[in-house]
Protein backbone atom coordinates (compact mmCIF):
# COMPACT_ATOMS: atom_id res chain seq x y z
CA MET A 1 26.87 -35.47 -24.07
CA PRO A 2 28.18 -38.99 -22.19
CA SER A 3 25.75 -40.60 -20.10
CA PHE A 4 26.74 -40.27 -17.02
CA THR A 5 27.37 -36.45 -17.67
CA ARG A 6 23.62 -36.41 -18.04
CA ARG A 7 22.77 -38.74 -15.28
CA ALA A 8 24.45 -36.84 -12.66
CA LEU A 9 23.59 -33.20 -14.38
CA GLY A 10 19.67 -34.88 -13.78
CA ILE A 11 19.90 -36.08 -10.35
CA ALA A 12 21.46 -32.40 -9.37
CA GLU A 13 18.11 -30.53 -11.20
CA ASP A 14 15.87 -33.14 -9.34
CA ILE A 15 18.18 -31.68 -6.51
CA VAL A 16 16.82 -28.76 -7.11
CA TYR A 17 13.75 -29.58 -7.76
CA LEU A 18 13.47 -30.85 -4.19
CA GLY A 19 15.15 -28.44 -2.31
CA VAL A 20 12.87 -25.45 -3.84
CA GLY A 21 9.53 -28.10 -3.14
CA LEU A 22 10.28 -28.14 0.47
CA VAL A 23 11.19 -24.49 0.98
CA LEU A 24 8.01 -23.91 -1.03
CA LEU A 25 6.64 -26.39 1.96
CA ALA A 26 7.58 -25.13 4.79
CA SER A 27 6.67 -21.18 3.53
CA ALA A 28 2.73 -22.92 2.94
CA VAL A 29 3.10 -24.42 6.74
CA ALA A 30 4.41 -20.95 8.36
CA VAL A 31 1.62 -18.41 6.24
CA LEU A 32 -0.77 -21.44 7.42
CA GLY A 33 0.54 -21.14 11.18
CA SER A 34 0.94 -17.86 10.88
CA SER A 35 -2.35 -16.79 9.61
CA GLY A 36 -4.56 -19.46 11.99
CA TYR A 37 -2.80 -17.17 15.06
CA SER A 38 -3.29 -13.64 13.41
CA LEU A 39 -7.06 -14.90 13.20
CA VAL A 40 -6.96 -15.71 16.67
CA ASP A 41 -5.18 -13.03 17.85
CA GLY A 42 -7.32 -10.60 15.76
CA LEU A 43 -10.56 -11.79 16.75
CA THR A 44 -8.94 -11.49 20.64
CA GLY A 45 -7.41 -8.32 20.22
CA GLU A 46 -8.54 -4.34 19.27
CA GLU A 47 -7.69 -4.70 15.61
CA GLY A 48 -11.50 -6.13 15.00
CA THR A 49 -12.93 -9.51 13.27
CA LYS A 50 -13.02 -7.43 10.00
CA ARG A 51 -9.33 -6.32 9.61
CA ALA A 52 -8.34 -9.88 11.49
CA ILE A 53 -9.99 -11.65 8.61
CA GLU A 54 -9.45 -9.82 6.34
CA LEU A 55 -5.30 -10.70 6.51
CA THR A 56 -5.97 -14.12 7.64
CA LEU A 57 -7.61 -14.30 3.66
CA ASP A 58 -4.45 -12.39 2.49
CA SER A 59 -2.45 -15.18 4.05
CA LEU A 60 -4.27 -17.85 3.39
CA LEU A 61 -4.69 -16.34 -0.98
CA LEU A 62 -0.58 -16.32 -0.40
CA ALA A 63 -0.90 -19.83 1.53
CA PHE A 64 -2.58 -21.24 -1.88
CA ILE A 65 -0.15 -19.56 -4.22
CA LEU A 66 2.61 -21.42 -2.42
CA VAL A 67 0.61 -25.05 -2.50
CA GLU A 68 0.20 -24.15 -6.61
CA LEU A 69 4.09 -23.34 -6.72
CA LEU A 70 5.04 -26.68 -4.66
CA GLY A 71 2.13 -28.84 -7.15
CA ALA A 72 4.13 -27.53 -10.03
CA VAL A 73 7.35 -27.79 -8.69
CA ARG A 74 5.96 -31.96 -8.82
CA SER A 75 4.25 -31.81 -12.10
CA THR A 76 7.86 -30.38 -12.84
CA LEU A 77 9.67 -33.44 -11.52
CA THR A 78 7.11 -35.45 -12.83
CA GLU A 79 6.72 -34.84 -16.13
CA LYS A 80 10.88 -34.02 -16.69
CA GLY A 81 9.83 -31.07 -18.52
CA LEU A 82 8.44 -27.30 -17.54
CA VAL A 83 4.56 -27.19 -16.90
CA ALA A 84 2.85 -24.38 -18.20
CA GLU A 85 -0.81 -24.84 -15.68
CA PRO A 86 0.17 -24.45 -13.26
CA PHE A 87 2.05 -21.09 -13.35
CA LEU A 88 -0.85 -20.31 -14.79
CA LEU A 89 -3.18 -21.41 -11.75
CA VAL A 90 -0.13 -18.89 -9.61
CA GLY A 91 -1.05 -15.86 -11.78
CA ILE A 92 -4.78 -16.14 -11.59
CA ILE A 93 -4.80 -17.13 -7.82
CA ALA A 94 -1.88 -13.99 -7.04
CA SER A 95 -4.35 -11.55 -9.68
CA ILE A 96 -7.79 -12.32 -8.07
CA LYS A 97 -5.72 -11.93 -4.25
CA GLU A 98 -4.86 -8.46 -5.30
CA ILE A 99 -8.53 -7.58 -6.71
CA VAL A 100 -9.67 -9.17 -3.09
CA VAL A 101 -6.26 -6.92 -1.10
CA LEU A 102 -7.97 -4.37 -3.46
CA GLY A 103 -11.20 -4.27 -2.92
CA ALA A 104 -11.80 -5.04 0.98
CA PHE A 105 -8.76 -3.09 2.51
CA GLU A 106 -6.29 -1.18 0.10
CA ARG A 107 -8.45 1.86 -1.44
CA GLY A 108 -7.44 4.28 1.44
CA ASP A 109 -7.26 7.67 -0.08
CA ARG A 110 -7.39 7.11 -3.86
CA PRO A 111 -9.89 8.06 -5.76
CA VAL A 112 -12.68 5.81 -7.09
CA GLU A 113 -12.00 5.87 -10.56
CA ASP A 114 -7.92 5.09 -9.60
CA VAL A 115 -8.70 1.68 -7.87
CA ALA A 116 -11.56 0.68 -10.80
CA ILE A 117 -8.52 1.18 -13.18
CA GLU A 118 -6.39 -1.05 -11.56
CA ALA A 119 -9.31 -3.60 -10.40
CA GLY A 120 -9.98 -4.14 -14.84
CA ALA A 121 -6.91 -4.18 -15.37
CA LEU A 122 -6.23 -7.37 -12.76
CA ALA A 123 -9.58 -8.81 -13.74
CA GLY A 124 -8.38 -8.56 -17.40
CA VAL A 125 -5.34 -10.31 -16.18
CA VAL A 126 -7.49 -12.97 -14.44
CA LEU A 127 -9.25 -13.41 -17.88
CA LEU A 128 -6.57 -13.45 -20.27
CA LEU A 129 -4.29 -15.98 -17.79
CA SER A 130 -8.20 -17.99 -17.49
CA ILE A 131 -7.75 -18.69 -21.35
CA SER A 132 -4.28 -19.36 -21.75
CA ALA A 133 -5.03 -21.84 -18.91
CA PHE A 134 -7.72 -23.29 -21.05
CA LEU A 135 -6.20 -23.44 -23.85
CA VAL A 136 -3.13 -25.25 -22.46
CA ARG A 137 -5.64 -27.92 -21.12
CA ARG A 138 -7.26 -28.24 -24.40
CA LYS A 139 -3.85 -28.70 -26.36
CA GLU A 140 -3.30 -31.82 -23.85
CA ARG A 141 -6.04 -33.26 -24.84
CA GLU A 142 -5.44 -33.25 -28.46
CA PRO A 143 -4.14 -36.33 -29.79
CA ASP A 144 -0.37 -36.23 -31.02
CA GLU A 145 0.46 -34.77 -34.23
CA GLY A 146 0.61 -37.66 -37.06
CA SER A 147 -1.08 -40.44 -34.90
CA PRO A 148 -3.37 -43.29 -36.52
CA GLU A 149 -6.48 -41.60 -34.87
CA GLU A 150 -5.70 -38.19 -35.79
CA ASP A 151 -5.25 -39.36 -39.73
CA SER A 152 -8.71 -41.82 -39.79
CA GLY A 153 -10.66 -38.43 -38.53
CA GLY A 154 -10.29 -39.88 -34.63
CA VAL A 155 -11.56 -43.12 -35.28
CA ARG A 156 -8.86 -46.74 -35.41
CA PRO A 157 -9.01 -48.18 -38.78
CA ALA A 158 -10.08 -51.75 -39.23
CA THR A 159 -7.26 -54.76 -38.74
CA THR A 160 -8.04 -57.42 -41.47
CA GLY A 161 -6.64 -61.20 -40.36
């Protein structure tokens, strides 16, 4: 592929990522503003303090997810490649959000066993994603294969001369 075409596609890719980032940023700001408004409205309204805080917490966790996705887009632009860790963090936050929502105000008339199974499955997802994030981070800290540090057990050979 000619270098001009490669460069043009790279610029187009950056523009799309920038657009995605701007939409994520606008969404996070909108969710943050909405959660602040609903907290104040809920505390002064008829819904009650507990319900207002539950809705605010749900909104704030959504804002965290949007910010982590924005960080993933930023990492992708910086690294010029897909970085897995931010997406794993988004999965962890989303799973925790579902556990909080499930435990706080979504039980309804469901049997306790069903709620416990769903919470256990979500906890398993959090555990697996956490292990994956740990392994990805550990892999990034390892020296590259074939580097002089690895060949000598992490110790650079002495130079003479």
